[in-house]
Amino acid sequence: MSALRRYEILLPSQLNDGHPIPEDLLAETVCELDQLFGAVSSGTQLILGLWRQEWELYRDSLARKFIDAEDTAANWQFFIEFKQGLKKRFQQKEILVYRLSCGGYLAPVRIGFTRLSA
């Protein structure tokens, strides 16, 4: 297996007009990624942001989805094209997709806790 890359996608919770994103669009996106890569993870933290385009201020409320996949040209090309589809699917001017290096994975470590007496 080649080296891994983490692809992070910040998906909006609202359309640009302020209406909520339909749940079926989010579910469709997660299922598509799961079918292609065998796994997709989500962060539980809501990401709030502000950005401007041509003097207009936009407020974002975003959810982070991430996929660890082999570092191949085909996977990178997939995410380049997938981003364009997401912009249409979610009716957005922009969708952020990050491509990050993955270091080596550490084996899980079990941490014990000691109960302190009162």
C-alpha atoms as a PDB file:
ATOM      1  CA  MET A   1       0.000   0.000   0.000  1.00  0.00           C
ATOM      2  CA  SER A   2       1.315   3.442  -0.875  1.00  0.00           C
ATOM      3  CA  ALA A   3       1.496   6.351   1.541  1.00  0.00           C
ATOM      4  CA  LEU A   4      -1.752   7.799   2.814  1.00  0.00           C
ATOM      5  CA  ARG A   5      -3.274  11.212   2.367  1.00  0.00           C
ATOM      6  CA  ARG A   6      -6.084  12.682   4.397  1.00  0.00           C
ATOM      7  CA  TYR A   7      -8.701  14.502   2.389  1.00  0.00           C
ATOM      8  CA  GLU A   8     -10.807  16.881   4.462  1.00  0.00           C
ATOM      9  CA  ILE A   9     -13.995  18.391   3.105  1.00  0.00           C
ATOM     10  CA  LEU A  10     -15.836  21.229   4.829  1.00  0.00           C
ATOM     11  CA  LEU A  11     -19.521  20.835   4.019  1.00  0.00           C
ATOM     12  CA  PRO A  12     -22.016  23.632   4.610  1.00  0.00           C
ATOM     13  CA  SER A  13     -25.038  23.318   6.868  1.00  0.00           C
ATOM     14  CA  GLN A  14     -26.858  26.066   4.959  1.00  0.00           C
ATOM     15  CA  LEU A  15     -27.388  27.097   1.378  1.00  0.00           C
ATOM     16  CA  ASN A  16     -26.105  30.551   0.425  1.00  0.00           C
ATOM     17  CA  ASP A  17     -29.660  31.871   0.862  1.00  0.00           C
ATOM     18  CA  GLY A  18     -29.666  30.724   4.511  1.00  0.00           C
ATOM     19  CA  HIS A  19     -31.958  27.692   4.129  1.00  0.00           C
ATOM     20  CA  PRO A  20     -30.707  24.448   5.698  1.00  0.00           C
ATOM     21  CA  ILE A  21     -29.018  21.851   3.510  1.00  0.00           C
ATOM     22  CA  PRO A  22     -31.401  18.914   3.006  1.00  0.00           C
ATOM     23  CA  GLU A  23     -30.260  15.905   5.048  1.00  0.00           C
ATOM     24  CA  ASP A  24     -30.518  13.620   2.024  1.00  0.00           C
ATOM     25  CA  LEU A  25     -27.790  15.627   0.237  1.00  0.00           C
ATOM     26  CA  LEU A  26     -25.444  15.185   3.199  1.00  0.00           C
ATOM     27  CA  ALA A  27     -26.291  11.481   3.446  1.00  0.00           C
ATOM     28  CA  GLU A  28     -25.742  11.026  -0.305  1.00  0.00           C
ATOM     29  CA  THR A  29     -22.304  12.621  -0.024  1.00  0.00           C
ATOM     30  CA  VAL A  30     -21.216  10.490   2.940  1.00  0.00           C
ATOM     31  CA  CYS A  31     -22.519   7.280   1.318  1.00  0.00           C
ATOM     32  CA  GLU A  32     -20.721   8.066  -1.934  1.00  0.00           C
ATOM     33  CA  LEU A  33     -17.405   8.541  -0.122  1.00  0.00           C
ATOM     34  CA  ASP A  34     -17.938   5.406   1.954  1.00  0.00           C
ATOM     35  CA  GLN A  35     -18.661   3.320  -1.146  1.00  0.00           C
ATOM     36  CA  LEU A  36     -15.551   4.593  -2.944  1.00  0.00           C
ATOM     37  CA  PHE A  37     -13.051   4.539  -0.074  1.00  0.00           C
ATOM     38  CA  GLY A  38     -14.526   2.059   2.400  1.00  0.00           C
ATOM     39  CA  ALA A  39     -14.745   4.618   5.206  1.00  0.00           C
ATOM     40  CA  VAL A  40     -15.528   8.244   5.941  1.00  0.00           C
ATOM     41  CA  SER A  41     -15.286  10.041   9.267  1.00  0.00           C
ATOM     42  CA  SER A  42     -16.929  13.169  10.607  1.00  0.00           C
ATOM     43  CA  GLY A  43     -15.845  15.710  13.144  1.00  0.00           C
ATOM     44  CA  THR A  44     -18.476  16.705  15.680  1.00  0.00           C
ATOM     45  CA  GLN A  45     -17.264  20.268  16.076  1.00  0.00           C
ATOM     46  CA  LEU A  46     -19.191  22.908  14.129  1.00  0.00           C
ATOM     47  CA  ILE A  47     -16.804  25.152  12.213  1.00  0.00           C
ATOM     48  CA  LEU A  48     -17.888  28.784  11.917  1.00  0.00           C
ATOM     49  CA  GLY A  49     -16.328  31.079   9.369  1.00  0.00           C
ATOM     50  CA  LEU A  50     -16.554  34.403   7.612  1.00  0.00           C
ATOM     51  CA  TRP A  51     -15.321  35.161   4.122  1.00  0.00           C
ATOM     52  CA  ARG A  52     -15.755  37.840   1.480  1.00  0.00           C
ATOM     53  CA  GLN A  53     -16.156  37.723  -2.241  1.00  0.00           C
ATOM     54  CA  GLU A  54     -16.474  40.914  -4.247  1.00  0.00           C
ATOM     55  CA  TRP A  55     -17.245  42.948  -1.093  1.00  0.00           C
ATOM     56  CA  GLU A  56     -20.062  40.622  -0.018  1.00  0.00           C
ATOM     57  CA  LEU A  57     -19.701  39.022   3.426  1.00  0.00           C
ATOM     58  CA  TYR A  58     -20.636  35.351   3.827  1.00  0.00           C
ATOM     59  CA  ARG A  59     -21.052  33.446   7.087  1.00  0.00           C
ATOM     60  CA  ASP A  60     -20.443  29.723   7.125  1.00  0.00           C
ATOM     61  CA  SER A  61     -21.427  26.941   9.461  1.00  0.00           C
ATOM     62  CA  LEU A  62     -19.497  23.864   8.343  1.00  0.00           C
ATOM     63  CA  ALA A  63     -19.131  20.175   9.142  1.00  0.00           C
ATOM     64  CA  ARG A  64     -15.826  18.395   8.566  1.00  0.00           C
ATOM     65  CA  LYS A  65     -15.747  15.052   6.738  1.00  0.00           C
ATOM     66  CA  PHE A  66     -12.463  13.253   6.232  1.00  0.00           C
ATOM     67  CA  ILE A  67     -11.163  10.277   4.342  1.00  0.00           C
ATOM     68  CA  ASP A  68      -7.769   8.587   4.596  1.00  0.00           C
ATOM     69  CA  ALA A  69      -6.899   7.166   1.186  1.00  0.00           C
ATOM     70  CA  GLU A  70      -3.880   6.026  -0.770  1.00  0.00           C
ATOM     71  CA  ASP A  71      -1.766   8.865  -2.114  1.00  0.00           C
ATOM     72  CA  THR A  72      -2.394   8.308  -5.815  1.00  0.00           C
ATOM     73  CA  ALA A  73      -2.900  10.658  -8.745  1.00  0.00           C
ATOM     74  CA  ALA A  74      -6.280   9.000  -9.369  1.00  0.00           C
ATOM     75  CA  ASN A  75      -7.510   9.753  -5.841  1.00  0.00           C
ATOM     76  CA  TRP A  76      -6.325  13.373  -6.067  1.00  0.00           C
ATOM     77  CA  GLN A  77      -8.077  13.762  -9.427  1.00  0.00           C
ATOM     78  CA  PHE A  78     -11.242  12.275  -7.918  1.00  0.00           C
ATOM     79  CA  PHE A  79     -11.312  14.924  -5.183  1.00  0.00           C
ATOM     80  CA  ILE A  80     -10.644  17.744  -7.662  1.00  0.00           C
ATOM     81  CA  GLU A  81     -13.675  16.631  -9.678  1.00  0.00           C
ATOM     82  CA  PHE A  82     -15.741  15.747  -6.595  1.00  0.00           C
ATOM     83  CA  LYS A  83     -15.294  19.295  -5.279  1.00  0.00           C
ATOM     84  CA  GLN A  84     -16.855  20.733  -8.443  1.00  0.00           C
ATOM     85  CA  GLY A  85     -19.818  18.379  -8.054  1.00  0.00           C
ATOM     86  CA  LEU A  86     -20.215  19.351  -4.395  1.00  0.00           C
ATOM     87  CA  LYS A  87     -20.340  23.039  -5.313  1.00  0.00           C
ATOM     88  CA  LYS A  88     -23.312  22.298  -7.568  1.00  0.00           C
ATOM     89  CA  ARG A  89     -24.938  19.797  -5.185  1.00  0.00           C
ATOM     90  CA  PHE A  90     -24.846  22.241  -2.262  1.00  0.00           C
ATOM     91  CA  GLN A  91     -25.316  25.388  -4.389  1.00  0.00           C
ATOM     92  CA  GLN A  92     -22.111  26.959  -3.062  1.00  0.00           C
ATOM     93  CA  LYS A  93     -19.673  29.465  -4.507  1.00  0.00           C
ATOM     94  CA  GLU A  94     -16.853  27.473  -2.906  1.00  0.00           C
ATOM     95  CA  ILE A  95     -16.284  24.184  -1.062  1.00  0.00           C
ATOM     96  CA  LEU A  96     -13.019  23.696   0.785  1.00  0.00           C
ATOM     97  CA  VAL A  97     -11.160  20.421   0.263  1.00  0.00           C
ATOM     98  CA  TYR A  98      -7.806  19.904   1.942  1.00  0.00           C
ATOM     99  CA  ARG A  99      -5.186  17.329   1.013  1.00  0.00           C
ATOM    100  CA  LEU A 100      -2.957  16.574   3.985  1.00  0.00           C
ATOM    101  CA  SER A 101       0.003  14.299   4.573  1.00  0.00           C
ATOM    102  CA  CYS A 102      -0.598  11.395   6.910  1.00  0.00           C
ATOM    103  CA  GLY A 103       2.240  10.407   9.171  1.00  0.00           C
ATOM    104  CA  GLY A 104       2.714   6.866  10.318  1.00  0.00           C
ATOM    105  CA  TYR A 105      -0.113   5.469  12.367  1.00  0.00           C
ATOM    106  CA  LEU A 106       0.532   4.543  15.970  1.00  0.00           C
ATOM    107  CA  ALA A 107      -0.838   1.384  17.452  1.00  0.00           C
ATOM    108  CA  PRO A 108      -3.716   2.052  19.860  1.00  0.00           C
ATOM    109  CA  VAL A 109      -2.614   2.417  23.457  1.00  0.00           C
ATOM    110  CA  ARG A 110      -4.862   1.528  26.358  1.00  0.00           C
ATOM    111  CA  ILE A 111      -4.627   4.109  29.107  1.00  0.00           C
ATOM    112  CA  GLY A 112      -5.614   3.105  32.598  1.00  0.00           C
ATOM    113  CA  PHE A 113      -7.175   5.437  35.121  1.00  0.00           C
ATOM    114  CA  THR A 114      -6.860   5.186  38.882  1.00  0.00           C
ATOM    115  CA  ARG A 115      -9.803   6.198  41.000  1.00  0.00           C
ATOM    116  CA  LEU A 116      -8.785   8.592  43.729  1.00  0.00           C
ATOM    117  CA  SER A 117     -10.403   8.254  47.149  1.00  0.00           C
ATOM    118  CA  ALA A 118     -12.169  11.243  48.567  1.00  0.00           C
END
